[in-house]
Amino acid sequence: MTKIISNFRLFIYVVLLPLLVFTSSCSSIRELPKFGFSEGIYNAKLEEKGKREKVYVDVFQDSLEIYKLKNIDGKRVVDTTQKIKLFIPEETKKIGNKTLLFTKHTLDLDVLTFPLKYRFSSGGIPPQIASSLSTALYLGYRGDDFLIRYKKTPLGNYKKHTNHFGHSFGVFFGFTSADLRSEYTNGHVKNRYSGFALTSGGAFLIGINNYTVGFAIGFDTLLDKNKSHWIYQNQPWLGLTIGMGL
């Protein structure tokens, strides 16, 4: 178990951190519309009995212009000779397709906080719920679904509703505080204090419209002289996460 944890942390330090630095300046991530349905490439089903395919969608206030993609010299480009225009007014008396679904997959760069951590039994201390100041950078693979639906109103009209559903899984690395006291250090620490520690692990996030929550498993590493006495040093924990959405 110790070797697995060590290799996982080595992966985060050697692979994740340089990748985070690189991707933080990448325009494709910086311009990623997590919550709003905007112009870009999506997977969509254009015909009722057709299959889902990649298309380029140009989004306007009351309409969508959809272009199919074609391969030219091994590159995927937008076929501007074929355009499908769909009207999506805020309210209408008659609507053909009542539901439209567009899906996008991208890299996800986020900032996570962990308001609650569940620590397993260690050093004779029973399992407990802990709260600590934790902030971490997160990098994962993300899927976003944008659902446009029309619901009938009591007046007989159809009103548009747009919802966003997202999910992401990946790894994180950051900083946290460690609660150092006598019972957590087998009596080595007499005066209680908050130590500085690194935190890392994996997380699964779920997003609904503008809200993002998730679950994580992580490990904390105290950096000061009492690291060998802290009973939670490199011990796994389960946590509730809240994404801030870069």
Protein backbone atom coordinates (compact mmCIF):
# COMPACT_ATOMS: atom_id res chain seq x y z
CA MET A 1 0.00 0.00 0.00
CA THR A 2 2.84 2.39 0.88
CA LYS A 3 4.51 1.74 -2.49
CA ILE A 4 1.25 2.44 -4.37
CA ILE A 5 0.78 5.74 -2.52
CA SER A 6 4.40 6.70 -3.18
CA ASN A 7 4.08 5.98 -6.91
CA PHE A 8 0.80 7.90 -7.10
CA ARG A 9 2.31 10.96 -5.43
CA LEU A 10 5.36 10.71 -7.74
CA PHE A 11 2.98 10.77 -10.72
CA ILE A 12 1.33 13.95 -9.39
CA TYR A 13 4.64 15.73 -8.76
CA VAL A 14 6.35 14.72 -12.01
CA VAL A 15 3.41 14.61 -14.46
CA LEU A 16 0.47 16.59 -13.10
CA LEU A 17 2.24 19.75 -11.95
CA PRO A 18 4.07 20.45 -15.26
CA LEU A 19 0.84 19.64 -17.11
CA LEU A 20 -1.12 22.09 -14.96
CA VAL A 21 1.41 24.82 -15.69
CA PHE A 22 1.18 24.13 -19.42
CA THR A 23 -2.61 23.87 -19.61
CA SER A 24 -3.23 26.95 -17.47
CA SER A 25 -2.00 29.03 -20.41
CA CYS A 26 -3.82 27.00 -23.05
CA SER A 27 -6.57 28.98 -24.76
CA SER A 28 -8.74 25.91 -25.32
CA ILE A 29 -9.08 25.51 -21.56
CA ARG A 30 -9.17 29.19 -20.71
CA GLU A 31 -12.10 29.71 -23.08
CA LEU A 32 -13.97 26.57 -22.02
CA PRO A 33 -17.66 27.42 -21.46
CA LYS A 34 -18.47 25.09 -18.57
CA PHE A 35 -21.88 26.43 -17.78
CA GLY A 36 -23.04 28.31 -20.89
CA PHE A 37 -23.96 26.78 -24.22
CA SER A 38 -21.70 28.53 -26.72
CA GLU A 39 -20.11 28.12 -30.14
CA GLY A 40 -18.01 25.00 -30.64
CA ILE A 41 -17.81 21.32 -31.62
CA TYR A 42 -20.40 18.99 -30.07
CA ASN A 43 -21.80 15.50 -30.39
CA ALA A 44 -25.42 15.79 -31.47
CA LYS A 45 -28.29 13.80 -32.97
CA LEU A 46 -29.74 15.84 -35.83
CA GLU A 47 -32.38 13.39 -37.03
CA GLU A 48 -34.88 11.47 -34.95
CA LYS A 49 -33.76 8.11 -36.33
CA GLY A 50 -30.19 9.13 -37.07
CA LYS A 51 -27.04 8.53 -35.06
CA ARG A 52 -25.06 10.99 -32.94
CA GLU A 53 -22.22 12.72 -34.81
CA LYS A 54 -19.72 15.53 -34.31
CA VAL A 55 -20.95 18.89 -35.58
CA TYR A 56 -19.95 22.54 -35.30
CA VAL A 57 -22.62 24.68 -33.64
CA ASP A 58 -22.86 28.46 -33.93
CA VAL A 59 -25.13 29.75 -31.16
CA PHE A 60 -27.37 32.80 -31.50
CA GLN A 61 -29.97 34.17 -29.15
CA ASP A 62 -32.95 32.57 -30.88
CA SER A 63 -31.37 30.11 -33.33
CA LEU A 64 -28.61 27.57 -33.96
CA GLU A 65 -26.57 27.15 -37.13
CA ILE A 66 -25.20 23.60 -37.34
CA TYR A 67 -22.46 22.46 -39.71
CA LYS A 68 -21.27 18.93 -40.34
CA LEU A 69 -17.55 18.13 -40.25
CA LYS A 70 -15.48 16.56 -43.01
CA ASN A 71 -11.92 15.24 -43.27
CA ILE A 72 -9.47 17.01 -45.57
CA ASP A 73 -5.88 15.71 -45.63
CA GLY A 74 -6.43 13.99 -42.31
CA LYS A 75 -7.79 17.14 -40.63
CA ARG A 76 -11.36 17.67 -39.46
CA VAL A 77 -12.78 20.90 -40.87
CA VAL A 78 -16.20 22.54 -40.92
CA ASP A 79 -18.24 21.86 -44.06
CA THR A 80 -19.70 25.33 -44.72
CA THR A 81 -21.59 24.10 -47.81
CA GLN A 82 -24.08 22.26 -45.61
CA LYS A 83 -25.86 24.25 -42.92
CA ILE A 84 -28.81 23.33 -40.75
CA LYS A 85 -30.62 26.20 -39.04
CA LEU A 86 -32.77 25.54 -36.01
CA PHE A 87 -34.90 28.23 -34.41
CA ILE A 88 -34.98 28.18 -30.61
CA PRO A 89 -37.12 31.15 -29.55
CA GLU A 90 -37.78 31.83 -25.87
CA GLU A 91 -41.46 31.06 -26.42
CA THR A 92 -43.45 29.80 -29.38
CA LYS A 93 -46.91 28.55 -30.19
CA LYS A 94 -45.67 25.53 -32.12
CA ILE A 95 -42.44 23.56 -31.93
CA GLY A 96 -41.27 20.54 -33.91
CA ASN A 97 -38.45 18.92 -31.91
CA LYS A 98 -39.15 19.55 -28.22
CA THR A 99 -35.73 18.30 -27.02
CA LEU A 100 -32.19 18.99 -28.27
CA LEU A 101 -29.06 17.50 -26.68
CA PHE A 102 -25.48 18.65 -27.35
CA THR A 103 -22.48 16.98 -25.69
CA LYS A 104 -18.87 18.18 -25.39
CA HIS A 105 -15.75 16.45 -24.00
CA THR A 106 -12.72 18.49 -22.93
CA LEU A 107 -9.90 18.78 -20.43
CA ASP A 108 -10.99 20.35 -17.16
CA LEU A 109 -8.88 22.76 -15.10
CA ASP A 110 -10.44 23.72 -11.78
CA VAL A 111 -9.74 24.85 -8.22
CA LEU A 112 -11.13 22.57 -5.51
CA THR A 113 -11.84 23.09 -1.84
CA PHE A 114 -12.57 20.33 0.67
CA PRO A 115 -14.91 21.55 3.42
CA LEU A 116 -15.24 18.07 4.94
CA LYS A 117 -12.90 15.07 5.19
CA TYR A 118 -13.70 11.63 6.54
CA ARG A 119 -10.57 10.18 8.16
CA PHE A 120 -10.39 6.45 8.81
CA SER A 121 -9.39 5.02 12.18
CA SER A 122 -5.67 5.49 12.84
CA GLY A 123 -3.37 5.41 15.86
CA GLY A 124 -6.17 4.29 18.15
CA ILE A 125 -8.38 7.25 17.16
CA PRO A 126 -11.82 6.21 15.79
CA PRO A 127 -13.04 7.42 12.38
CA GLN A 128 -13.99 11.08 12.36
CA ILE A 129 -15.25 13.96 10.23
CA ALA A 130 -12.66 16.74 10.02
CA SER A 131 -12.76 20.22 8.55
CA SER A 132 -9.57 21.93 7.41
CA LEU A 133 -8.50 24.72 5.11
CA SER A 134 -7.69 22.95 1.83
CA THR A 135 -7.24 24.31 -1.70
CA ALA A 136 -6.02 22.30 -4.69
CA LEU A 137 -5.56 22.54 -8.44
CA TYR A 138 -7.51 19.91 -10.34
CA LEU A 139 -6.98 18.46 -13.82
CA GLY A 140 -9.43 16.00 -15.31
CA TYR A 141 -11.42 14.77 -18.29
CA ARG A 142 -14.81 16.46 -18.53
CA GLY A 143 -18.10 15.80 -20.28
CA ASP A 144 -20.81 18.46 -20.60
CA ASP A 145 -24.40 17.96 -21.73
CA PHE A 146 -26.49 20.96 -22.79
CA LEU A 147 -30.17 20.14 -22.94
CA ILE A 148 -32.66 22.44 -24.65
CA ARG A 149 -36.28 21.55 -23.98
CA TYR A 150 -39.65 23.12 -24.62
CA LYS A 151 -42.38 22.77 -22.00
CA LYS A 152 -46.01 23.57 -22.56
CA THR A 153 -47.39 26.43 -20.50
CA PRO A 154 -50.97 26.71 -19.15
CA LEU A 155 -51.63 29.19 -22.00
CA GLY A 156 -50.85 26.54 -24.61
CA ASN A 157 -47.47 28.00 -25.68
CA TYR A 158 -44.09 26.28 -25.47
CA LYS A 159 -41.38 27.90 -23.35
CA LYS A 160 -37.66 27.14 -23.70
CA HIS A 161 -35.62 25.67 -20.82
CA THR A 162 -31.83 25.23 -21.12
CA ASN A 163 -29.98 23.04 -18.61
CA HIS A 164 -26.35 22.06 -18.21
CA PHE A 165 -25.13 18.77 -16.74
CA GLY A 166 -21.42 18.04 -16.35
CA HIS A 167 -19.21 15.32 -14.96
CA SER A 168 -15.45 15.10 -14.60
CA PHE A 169 -12.85 12.76 -13.12
CA GLY A 170 -9.17 13.51 -12.55
CA VAL A 171 -6.40 14.23 -10.07
CA PHE A 172 -5.60 17.15 -7.77
CA PHE A 173 -2.64 18.63 -5.89
CA GLY A 174 -2.60 21.46 -3.37
CA PHE A 175 -2.15 22.62 0.19
CA THR A 176 -3.99 21.97 3.43
CA SER A 177 -3.72 22.48 7.18
CA ALA A 178 -3.02 19.58 9.54
CA ASP A 179 -4.40 19.49 13.08
CA LEU A 180 -1.50 18.70 15.39
CA ARG A 181 -2.33 17.84 19.00
CA SER A 182 -1.26 15.32 21.62
CA GLU A 183 -3.73 12.54 20.70
CA TYR A 184 -2.88 12.82 16.99
CA THR A 185 0.88 12.51 17.58
CA ASN A 186 1.03 9.81 20.26
CA GLY A 187 1.80 12.44 22.89
CA HIS A 188 4.75 14.06 21.06
CA VAL A 189 3.02 17.43 20.56
CA LYS A 190 2.09 19.19 23.81
CA ASN A 191 0.75 22.44 22.41
CA ARG A 192 -1.89 22.15 19.71
CA TYR A 193 -1.21 23.91 16.38
CA SER A 194 -2.10 23.80 12.65
CA GLY A 195 0.70 22.43 10.49
CA PHE A 196 1.37 23.05 6.79
CA ALA A 197 0.79 20.01 4.57
CA LEU A 198 0.48 18.95 0.94
CA THR A 199 -2.68 17.23 -0.25
CA SER A 200 -3.21 15.14 -3.41
CA GLY A 201 -5.49 12.47 -4.79
CA GLY A 202 -8.30 11.80 -7.23
CA ALA A 203 -11.79 13.27 -7.55
CA PHE A 204 -15.09 12.84 -9.37
CA LEU A 205 -17.12 16.01 -9.95
CA ILE A 206 -20.75 16.53 -10.91
CA GLY A 207 -22.05 19.84 -12.25
CA ILE A 208 -25.66 21.00 -12.60
CA ASN A 209 -25.99 24.42 -14.22
CA ASN A 210 -23.71 26.75 -12.15
CA TYR A 211 -23.13 24.37 -9.23
CA THR A 212 -20.28 21.84 -8.96
CA VAL A 213 -19.80 19.30 -6.18
CA GLY A 214 -17.96 16.02 -5.99
CA PHE A 215 -16.23 13.32 -4.03
CA ALA A 216 -12.52 12.71 -3.54
CA ILE A 217 -10.01 10.31 -2.07
CA GLY A 218 -6.75 11.89 -1.02
CA PHE A 219 -3.62 11.82 1.10
CA ASP A 220 -2.11 14.54 3.30
CA THR A 221 1.62 14.95 3.90
CA LEU A 222 2.78 17.09 6.82
CA LEU A 223 5.98 19.01 6.04
CA ASP A 224 7.34 19.97 9.47
CA LYS A 225 9.41 18.09 12.07
CA ASN A 226 6.41 16.23 13.51
CA LYS A 227 5.56 14.44 10.27
CA SER A 228 6.81 11.09 11.59
CA HIS A 229 4.51 11.37 14.62
CA TRP A 230 1.29 12.53 12.93
CA ILE A 231 -1.05 9.52 12.78
CA TYR A 232 -2.67 10.73 9.52
CA GLN A 233 0.58 11.14 7.58
CA ASN A 234 -0.07 9.76 4.06
CA GLN A 235 -3.23 8.00 5.28
CA PRO A 236 -6.19 7.97 2.86
CA TRP A 237 -9.26 10.11 3.47
CA LEU A 238 -12.62 10.58 1.76
CA GLY A 239 -13.87 14.09 1.12
CA LEU A 240 -16.64 16.29 -0.15
CA THR A 241 -15.37 18.71 -2.80
CA ILE A 242 -16.63 22.01 -4.14
CA GLY A 243 -15.35 23.28 -7.50
CA MET A 244 -14.76 26.97 -8.11
CA GLY A 245 -14.73 26.56 -11.92
CA LEU A 246 -11.80 28.15 -13.76
